[in-house]
Amino acid sequence: MSEQRSLLCDTAEAVFAEAASGGMAPVEEAGFSQLLTADFGGDWGDVFAVLRIAGAKVPHLPVGELILGGDISRPQGAFIRVAQAAGALDAALAMSIDYVNTRQQFGKPLGKFQAVQQVLAIFATEAAAVNVAGAAAAAALDRANGDFNVALFEVACAKLRMNKAIGVAASIAHQVHGAIGFTREYDLHKLTGPLVDWRSDHGNDAYWARILGGMTAQMGGAGLWAEVTRRG
């Protein structure tokens, strides 16, 4: 991570901690709407990093819409949700690990049971996949100078991967927490609620599968392999 991005993330952590109770005012005052302007010089990797933190800290706030500004297209909205989901999934995973390492059953922490370890390993894999897919979409947008039509392949892949991951990970998060995970007083629902909503935001599975399927069909088998290796 570059020094500029590291400083940006530190700022985002502080601002979103305040925004959790103060709403959008601290975010607007911090100038995140200028992130992609020439004066600031931020790139799409910076946007992804900031939105990851927003997804973990303030998933209920329209931080991505503020950064991108104006009317949000469906591909732009999909990228926002993927970035937010990457952070929210990591936060929910951290909550789950902390819970199973402190909650005891039969005289030992839940995290010592192999079955619990196995499902959390699946959770971690799904969260990592969304982070990688989102980072790849951000890199594609940087190469395309922010043209979502050019980066549509990566955005579609990332949104579809995000949707799959949320279905698996949210279920595991509530399974390992047991009954407490469903209570209003416990904060897990502040992450899993938005995550489940984001699956259908800016295009559901069927929508993005049609987009991606149409693109791959046009490429053909040989063309798809050449395109995937070129992008990789």
C-alpha atoms as a PDB file:
ATOM      1  CA  MET A   1       0.000   0.000   0.000  1.00  0.00           C
ATOM      2  CA  SER A   2       1.363   3.430  -0.970  1.00  0.00           C
ATOM      3  CA  GLU A   3       1.961   6.060   1.693  1.00  0.00           C
ATOM      4  CA  GLN A   4      -0.829   8.210   0.245  1.00  0.00           C
ATOM      5  CA  ARG A   5      -3.318   5.348   0.364  1.00  0.00           C
ATOM      6  CA  SER A   6      -2.242   4.444   3.877  1.00  0.00           C
ATOM      7  CA  LEU A   7      -2.851   8.016   5.036  1.00  0.00           C
ATOM      8  CA  LEU A   8      -6.169   8.059   3.197  1.00  0.00           C
ATOM      9  CA  CYS A   9      -7.279   4.876   4.944  1.00  0.00           C
ATOM     10  CA  ASP A  10      -6.230   6.241   8.339  1.00  0.00           C
ATOM     11  CA  THR A  11      -8.327   9.338   7.650  1.00  0.00           C
ATOM     12  CA  ALA A  12     -11.261   7.213   6.522  1.00  0.00           C
ATOM     13  CA  GLU A  13     -11.112   5.114   9.700  1.00  0.00           C
ATOM     14  CA  ALA A  14     -11.316   8.238  11.866  1.00  0.00           C
ATOM     15  CA  VAL A  15     -14.002   9.949   9.784  1.00  0.00           C
ATOM     16  CA  PHE A  16     -16.245   6.881   9.552  1.00  0.00           C
ATOM     17  CA  ALA A  17     -15.942   6.276  13.287  1.00  0.00           C
ATOM     18  CA  GLU A  18     -17.423   9.734  13.763  1.00  0.00           C
ATOM     19  CA  ALA A  19     -19.953   9.220  10.966  1.00  0.00           C
ATOM     20  CA  ALA A  20     -21.301   6.071  12.637  1.00  0.00           C
ATOM     21  CA  SER A  21     -23.212   8.360  14.986  1.00  0.00           C
ATOM     22  CA  GLY A  22     -22.941  11.699  13.165  1.00  0.00           C
ATOM     23  CA  GLY A  23     -24.277  10.654   9.763  1.00  0.00           C
ATOM     24  CA  MET A  24     -22.949  11.957   6.455  1.00  0.00           C
ATOM     25  CA  ALA A  25     -21.865  15.389   7.720  1.00  0.00           C
ATOM     26  CA  PRO A  26     -18.345  14.279   8.820  1.00  0.00           C
ATOM     27  CA  VAL A  27     -17.857  12.423   5.511  1.00  0.00           C
ATOM     28  CA  GLU A  28     -18.873  15.450   3.457  1.00  0.00           C
ATOM     29  CA  GLU A  29     -16.703  17.779   5.541  1.00  0.00           C
ATOM     30  CA  ALA A  30     -13.705  15.470   5.077  1.00  0.00           C
ATOM     31  CA  GLY A  31     -13.871  16.084   1.317  1.00  0.00           C
ATOM     32  CA  PHE A  32     -14.266  12.517   0.090  1.00  0.00           C
ATOM     33  CA  SER A  33     -16.287  13.843  -2.838  1.00  0.00           C
ATOM     34  CA  GLN A  34     -12.976  15.174  -4.209  1.00  0.00           C
ATOM     35  CA  LEU A  35     -11.218  11.801  -4.129  1.00  0.00           C
ATOM     36  CA  LEU A  36     -11.273  11.237  -7.897  1.00  0.00           C
ATOM     37  CA  THR A  37     -10.638  14.856  -8.920  1.00  0.00           C
ATOM     38  CA  ALA A  38      -7.378  16.002 -10.464  1.00  0.00           C
ATOM     39  CA  ASP A  39      -6.608  18.124  -7.404  1.00  0.00           C
ATOM     40  CA  PHE A  40      -6.565  15.088  -5.112  1.00  0.00           C
ATOM     41  CA  GLY A  41      -5.241  12.600  -7.642  1.00  0.00           C
ATOM     42  CA  GLY A  42      -6.891   9.523  -6.212  1.00  0.00           C
ATOM     43  CA  ASP A  43      -7.384   6.380  -8.273  1.00  0.00           C
ATOM     44  CA  TRP A  44      -9.922   3.563  -8.250  1.00  0.00           C
ATOM     45  CA  GLY A  45      -7.737   1.543  -5.923  1.00  0.00           C
ATOM     46  CA  ASP A  46      -8.088   4.401  -3.433  1.00  0.00           C
ATOM     47  CA  VAL A  47     -11.859   4.402  -3.912  1.00  0.00           C
ATOM     48  CA  PHE A  48     -11.974   0.654  -3.290  1.00  0.00           C
ATOM     49  CA  ALA A  49      -9.875   1.023  -0.125  1.00  0.00           C
ATOM     50  CA  VAL A  50     -12.070   3.796   1.268  1.00  0.00           C
ATOM     51  CA  LEU A  51     -15.306   1.979   0.448  1.00  0.00           C
ATOM     52  CA  ARG A  52     -14.025  -1.201   2.107  1.00  0.00           C
ATOM     53  CA  ILE A  53     -13.674   0.748   5.340  1.00  0.00           C
ATOM     54  CA  ALA A  54     -17.082   2.355   4.833  1.00  0.00           C
ATOM     55  CA  GLY A  55     -18.636  -1.086   4.392  1.00  0.00           C
ATOM     56  CA  ALA A  56     -17.205  -2.218   7.708  1.00  0.00           C
ATOM     57  CA  LYS A  57     -17.860   0.960   9.691  1.00  0.00           C
ATOM     58  CA  VAL A  58     -20.893   2.710   8.141  1.00  0.00           C
ATOM     59  CA  PRO A  59     -22.625   0.295   5.751  1.00  0.00           C
ATOM     60  CA  HIS A  60     -25.850   2.306   6.053  1.00  0.00           C
ATOM     61  CA  LEU A  61     -24.357   5.535   4.647  1.00  0.00           C
ATOM     62  CA  PRO A  62     -24.125   6.439   0.898  1.00  0.00           C
ATOM     63  CA  VAL A  63     -20.379   7.055   0.913  1.00  0.00           C
ATOM     64  CA  GLY A  64     -19.833   5.574  -2.551  1.00  0.00           C
ATOM     65  CA  GLU A  65     -22.560   7.705  -4.068  1.00  0.00           C
ATOM     66  CA  LEU A  66     -20.876  10.778  -2.562  1.00  0.00           C
ATOM     67  CA  ILE A  67     -17.472   9.837  -3.996  1.00  0.00           C
ATOM     68  CA  LEU A  68     -18.727   9.079  -7.506  1.00  0.00           C
ATOM     69  CA  GLY A  69     -21.260  11.925  -7.518  1.00  0.00           C
ATOM     70  CA  GLY A  70     -24.252  12.542  -9.779  1.00  0.00           C
ATOM     71  CA  ASP A  71     -26.520   9.806 -11.042  1.00  0.00           C
ATOM     72  CA  ILE A  72     -25.022   6.395 -10.351  1.00  0.00           C
ATOM     73  CA  SER A  73     -25.152   3.910 -13.225  1.00  0.00           C
ATOM     74  CA  ARG A  74     -25.776   0.237 -12.540  1.00  0.00           C
ATOM     75  CA  PRO A  75     -22.100  -0.754 -13.106  1.00  0.00           C
ATOM     76  CA  GLN A  76     -20.958   2.082 -10.831  1.00  0.00           C
ATOM     77  CA  GLY A  77     -23.422   1.009  -8.181  1.00  0.00           C
ATOM     78  CA  ALA A  78     -22.287  -2.595  -8.505  1.00  0.00           C
ATOM     79  CA  PHE A  79     -18.666  -1.577  -7.929  1.00  0.00           C
ATOM     80  CA  ILE A  80     -19.674   0.440  -4.867  1.00  0.00           C
ATOM     81  CA  ARG A  81     -21.499  -2.530  -3.393  1.00  0.00           C
ATOM     82  CA  VAL A  82     -18.621  -4.936  -4.079  1.00  0.00           C
ATOM     83  CA  ALA A  83     -16.170  -2.627  -2.301  1.00  0.00           C
ATOM     84  CA  GLN A  84     -18.517  -2.128   0.646  1.00  0.00           C
ATOM     85  CA  ALA A  85     -19.194  -5.853   0.850  1.00  0.00           C
ATOM     86  CA  ALA A  86     -15.480  -6.638   0.952  1.00  0.00           C
ATOM     87  CA  GLY A  87     -15.164  -4.564   4.112  1.00  0.00           C
ATOM     88  CA  ALA A  88     -18.425  -5.731   5.682  1.00  0.00           C
ATOM     89  CA  LEU A  89     -17.549  -9.391   5.126  1.00  0.00           C
ATOM     90  CA  ASP A  90     -14.130  -8.914   6.719  1.00  0.00           C
ATOM     91  CA  ALA A  91     -15.763  -7.180   9.695  1.00  0.00           C
ATOM     92  CA  ALA A  92     -18.383  -9.917  10.101  1.00  0.00           C
ATOM     93  CA  LEU A  93     -15.645 -12.551   9.885  1.00  0.00           C
ATOM     94  CA  ALA A  94     -13.643 -10.780  12.603  1.00  0.00           C
ATOM     95  CA  MET A  95     -16.745 -10.640  14.816  1.00  0.00           C
ATOM     96  CA  SER A  96     -17.366 -14.337  14.251  1.00  0.00           C
ATOM     97  CA  ILE A  97     -13.796 -15.333  15.078  1.00  0.00           C
ATOM     98  CA  ASP A  98     -13.803 -13.206  18.211  1.00  0.00           C
ATOM     99  CA  TYR A  99     -17.100 -14.729  19.322  1.00  0.00           C
ATOM    100  CA  VAL A 100     -16.097 -18.375  18.886  1.00  0.00           C
ATOM    101  CA  ASN A 101     -12.799 -17.726  20.666  1.00  0.00           C
ATOM    102  CA  THR A 102     -14.560 -16.306  23.740  1.00  0.00           C
ATOM    103  CA  ARG A 103     -17.807 -18.320  23.888  1.00  0.00           C
ATOM    104  CA  GLN A 104     -17.250 -21.662  25.638  1.00  0.00           C
ATOM    105  CA  GLN A 105     -19.100 -24.948  25.278  1.00  0.00           C
ATOM    106  CA  PHE A 106     -18.225 -28.257  26.967  1.00  0.00           C
ATOM    107  CA  GLY A 107     -15.398 -26.547  28.786  1.00  0.00           C
ATOM    108  CA  LYS A 108     -13.558 -25.072  25.816  1.00  0.00           C
ATOM    109  CA  PRO A 109     -13.971 -22.200  23.298  1.00  0.00           C
ATOM    110  CA  LEU A 110     -16.209 -22.899  20.321  1.00  0.00           C
ATOM    111  CA  GLY A 111     -13.271 -22.025  18.088  1.00  0.00           C
ATOM    112  CA  LYS A 112     -11.483 -25.186  19.213  1.00  0.00           C
ATOM    113  CA  PHE A 113     -14.098 -27.401  17.576  1.00  0.00           C
ATOM    114  CA  GLN A 114     -13.067 -28.625  14.140  1.00  0.00           C
ATOM    115  CA  ALA A 115     -16.533 -28.164  12.640  1.00  0.00           C
ATOM    116  CA  VAL A 116     -16.524 -24.482  13.647  1.00  0.00           C
ATOM    117  CA  GLN A 117     -13.015 -24.015  12.265  1.00  0.00           C
ATOM    118  CA  GLN A 118     -14.059 -25.567   8.964  1.00  0.00           C
ATOM    119  CA  VAL A 119     -17.041 -23.266   8.392  1.00  0.00           C
ATOM    120  CA  LEU A 120     -15.002 -20.207   9.360  1.00  0.00           C
ATOM    121  CA  ALA A 121     -12.350 -21.263   6.858  1.00  0.00           C
ATOM    122  CA  ILE A 122     -15.084 -21.277   4.198  1.00  0.00           C
ATOM    123  CA  PHE A 123     -16.203 -17.832   5.397  1.00  0.00           C
ATOM    124  CA  ALA A 124     -12.628 -16.531   5.139  1.00  0.00           C
ATOM    125  CA  THR A 125     -12.306 -17.918   1.609  1.00  0.00           C
ATOM    126  CA  GLU A 126     -15.507 -16.196   0.498  1.00  0.00           C
ATOM    127  CA  ALA A 127     -14.457 -12.871   2.042  1.00  0.00           C
ATOM    128  CA  ALA A 128     -11.037 -13.095   0.404  1.00  0.00           C
ATOM    129  CA  ALA A 129     -12.627 -13.832  -2.980  1.00  0.00           C
ATOM    130  CA  VAL A 130     -14.709 -10.652  -2.807  1.00  0.00           C
ATOM    131  CA  ASN A 131     -11.647  -8.618  -1.850  1.00  0.00           C
ATOM    132  CA  VAL A 132      -9.669 -10.019  -4.780  1.00  0.00           C
ATOM    133  CA  ALA A 133     -12.533  -9.577  -7.254  1.00  0.00           C
ATOM    134  CA  GLY A 134     -13.132  -6.006  -6.102  1.00  0.00           C
ATOM    135  CA  ALA A 135      -9.445  -5.137  -6.300  1.00  0.00           C
ATOM    136  CA  ALA A 136      -9.340  -6.574  -9.833  1.00  0.00           C
ATOM    137  CA  ALA A 137     -12.302  -4.401 -10.835  1.00  0.00           C
ATOM    138  CA  ALA A 138     -10.586  -1.333  -9.372  1.00  0.00           C
ATOM    139  CA  ALA A 139      -7.390  -2.147 -11.294  1.00  0.00           C
ATOM    140  CA  ALA A 140      -9.418  -2.562 -14.494  1.00  0.00           C
ATOM    141  CA  LEU A 141     -11.033   0.835 -13.942  1.00  0.00           C
ATOM    142  CA  ASP A 142      -7.607   2.392 -13.457  1.00  0.00           C
ATOM    143  CA  ARG A 143      -6.434   0.883 -16.745  1.00  0.00           C
ATOM    144  CA  ALA A 144      -9.626   2.103 -18.430  1.00  0.00           C
ATOM    145  CA  ASN A 145      -9.366   5.620 -16.962  1.00  0.00           C
ATOM    146  CA  GLY A 146     -12.648   5.094 -15.143  1.00  0.00           C
ATOM    147  CA  ASP A 147     -14.615   3.910 -18.191  1.00  0.00           C
ATOM    148  CA  PHE A 148     -17.066   1.354 -16.808  1.00  0.00           C
ATOM    149  CA  ASN A 149     -17.932   0.066 -20.268  1.00  0.00           C
ATOM    150  CA  VAL A 150     -14.314  -0.971 -20.779  1.00  0.00           C
ATOM    151  CA  ALA A 151     -14.078  -2.515 -17.303  1.00  0.00           C
ATOM    152  CA  LEU A 152     -17.530  -4.116 -17.440  1.00  0.00           C
ATOM    153  CA  PHE A 153     -16.179  -7.674 -17.583  1.00  0.00           C
ATOM    154  CA  GLU A 154     -14.378  -7.309 -14.243  1.00  0.00           C
ATOM    155  CA  VAL A 155     -17.256  -5.428 -12.639  1.00  0.00           C
ATOM    156  CA  ALA A 156     -19.734  -8.134 -13.671  1.00  0.00           C
ATOM    157  CA  CYS A 157     -17.447 -10.886 -12.372  1.00  0.00           C
ATOM    158  CA  ALA A 158     -16.967  -9.054  -9.076  1.00  0.00           C
ATOM    159  CA  LYS A 159     -20.684  -8.457  -8.515  1.00  0.00           C
ATOM    160  CA  LEU A 160     -21.575 -12.073  -9.239  1.00  0.00           C
ATOM    161  CA  ARG A 161     -18.790 -13.310  -6.947  1.00  0.00           C
ATOM    162  CA  MET A 162     -19.951 -10.924  -4.240  1.00  0.00           C
ATOM    163  CA  ASN A 163     -23.531 -12.182  -4.463  1.00  0.00           C
ATOM    164  CA  LYS A 164     -22.415 -15.807  -4.083  1.00  0.00           C
ATOM    165  CA  ALA A 165     -20.105 -14.997  -1.184  1.00  0.00           C
ATOM    166  CA  ILE A 166     -22.737 -13.109   0.774  1.00  0.00           C
ATOM    167  CA  GLY A 167     -25.186 -15.995   0.590  1.00  0.00           C
ATOM    168  CA  VAL A 168     -22.595 -18.349   2.066  1.00  0.00           C
ATOM    169  CA  ALA A 169     -20.870 -16.026   4.524  1.00  0.00           C
ATOM    170  CA  ALA A 170     -23.916 -14.375   6.091  1.00  0.00           C
ATOM    171  CA  SER A 171     -25.365 -17.794   6.810  1.00  0.00           C
ATOM    172  CA  ILE A 172     -22.160 -18.967   8.476  1.00  0.00           C
ATOM    173  CA  ALA A 173     -21.864 -15.789  10.533  1.00  0.00           C
ATOM    174  CA  HIS A 174     -25.285 -16.372  12.067  1.00  0.00           C
ATOM    175  CA  GLN A 175     -24.714 -20.104  12.483  1.00  0.00           C
ATOM    176  CA  VAL A 176     -21.578 -19.657  14.587  1.00  0.00           C
ATOM    177  CA  HIS A 177     -23.143 -16.866  16.656  1.00  0.00           C
ATOM    178  CA  GLY A 178     -26.266 -18.851  17.418  1.00  0.00           C
ATOM    179  CA  ALA A 179     -29.281 -17.015  18.837  1.00  0.00           C
ATOM    180  CA  ILE A 180     -27.363 -13.901  19.879  1.00  0.00           C
ATOM    181  CA  GLY A 181     -26.607 -13.098  16.233  1.00  0.00           C
ATOM    182  CA  PHE A 182     -30.277 -12.422  15.582  1.00  0.00           C
ATOM    183  CA  THR A 183     -30.799  -9.980  18.446  1.00  0.00           C
ATOM    184  CA  ARG A 184     -31.167  -6.239  17.901  1.00  0.00           C
ATOM    185  CA  GLU A 185     -28.692  -5.515  20.693  1.00  0.00           C
ATOM    186  CA  TYR A 186     -25.863  -7.413  19.002  1.00  0.00           C
ATOM    187  CA  ASP A 187     -24.141  -5.619  16.105  1.00  0.00           C
ATOM    188  CA  LEU A 188     -23.885  -8.517  13.651  1.00  0.00           C
ATOM    189  CA  HIS A 189     -27.167  -7.576  11.970  1.00  0.00           C
ATOM    190  CA  LYS A 190     -25.746  -4.127  11.170  1.00  0.00           C
ATOM    191  CA  LEU A 191     -23.409  -5.907   8.755  1.00  0.00           C
ATOM    192  CA  THR A 192     -25.400  -8.895   7.535  1.00  0.00           C
ATOM    193  CA  GLY A 193     -28.587  -6.892   6.940  1.00  0.00           C
ATOM    194  CA  PRO A 194     -26.965  -4.525   4.417  1.00  0.00           C
ATOM    195  CA  LEU A 195     -24.969  -7.402   2.913  1.00  0.00           C
ATOM    196  CA  VAL A 196     -28.116  -9.337   2.070  1.00  0.00           C
ATOM    197  CA  ASP A 197     -29.721  -6.187   0.635  1.00  0.00           C
ATOM    198  CA  TRP A 198     -26.664  -5.496  -1.540  1.00  0.00           C
ATOM    199  CA  ARG A 199     -27.065  -8.810  -3.377  1.00  0.00           C
ATOM    200  CA  SER A 200     -29.967  -7.357  -5.345  1.00  0.00           C
ATOM    201  CA  ASP A 201     -28.786  -3.721  -5.424  1.00  0.00           C
ATOM    202  CA  HIS A 202     -27.742  -2.510  -8.893  1.00  0.00           C
ATOM    203  CA  GLY A 203     -28.477  -5.839 -10.531  1.00  0.00           C
ATOM    204  CA  ASN A 204     -29.127  -9.300  -9.112  1.00  0.00           C
ATOM    205  CA  ASP A 205     -27.531 -12.609 -10.097  1.00  0.00           C
ATOM    206  CA  ALA A 206     -29.701 -13.018 -13.183  1.00  0.00           C
ATOM    207  CA  TYR A 207     -28.913  -9.532 -14.485  1.00  0.00           C
ATOM    208  CA  TRP A 208     -25.137  -9.807 -14.160  1.00  0.00           C
ATOM    209  CA  ALA A 209     -25.096 -13.415 -15.372  1.00  0.00           C
ATOM    210  CA  ARG A 210     -26.792 -12.254 -18.580  1.00  0.00           C
ATOM    211  CA  ILE A 211     -24.248  -9.445 -18.995  1.00  0.00           C
ATOM    212  CA  LEU A 212     -21.273 -11.723 -18.400  1.00  0.00           C
ATOM    213  CA  GLY A 213     -22.748 -14.569 -20.436  1.00  0.00           C
ATOM    214  CA  GLY A 214     -23.378 -12.279 -23.394  1.00  0.00           C
ATOM    215  CA  MET A 215     -19.817 -10.972 -23.296  1.00  0.00           C
ATOM    216  CA  THR A 216     -18.268 -14.433 -23.098  1.00  0.00           C
ATOM    217  CA  ALA A 217     -20.509 -15.784 -25.870  1.00  0.00           C
ATOM    218  CA  GLN A 218     -19.356 -13.009 -28.181  1.00  0.00           C
ATOM    219  CA  MET A 219     -15.716 -13.833 -27.449  1.00  0.00           C
ATOM    220  CA  GLY A 220     -16.053 -17.558 -28.116  1.00  0.00           C
ATOM    221  CA  GLY A 221     -13.897 -20.179 -26.421  1.00  0.00           C
ATOM    222  CA  ALA A 222     -10.548 -19.145 -27.852  1.00  0.00           C
ATOM    223  CA  GLY A 223     -11.383 -15.478 -27.530  1.00  0.00           C
ATOM    224  CA  LEU A 224     -12.398 -15.845 -23.904  1.00  0.00           C
ATOM    225  CA  TRP A 225      -9.129 -17.557 -22.986  1.00  0.00           C
ATOM    226  CA  ALA A 226      -7.108 -14.906 -24.764  1.00  0.00           C
ATOM    227  CA  GLU A 227      -9.098 -12.142 -23.074  1.00  0.00           C
ATOM    228  CA  VAL A 228      -8.818 -13.647 -19.594  1.00  0.00           C
ATOM    229  CA  THR A 229      -5.057 -14.150 -19.895  1.00  0.00           C
ATOM    230  CA  ARG A 230      -4.613 -10.648 -21.329  1.00  0.00           C
ATOM    231  CA  ARG A 231      -6.539  -9.089 -18.466  1.00  0.00           C
ATOM    232  CA  GLY A 232      -4.730 -11.233 -15.917  1.00  0.00           C
END
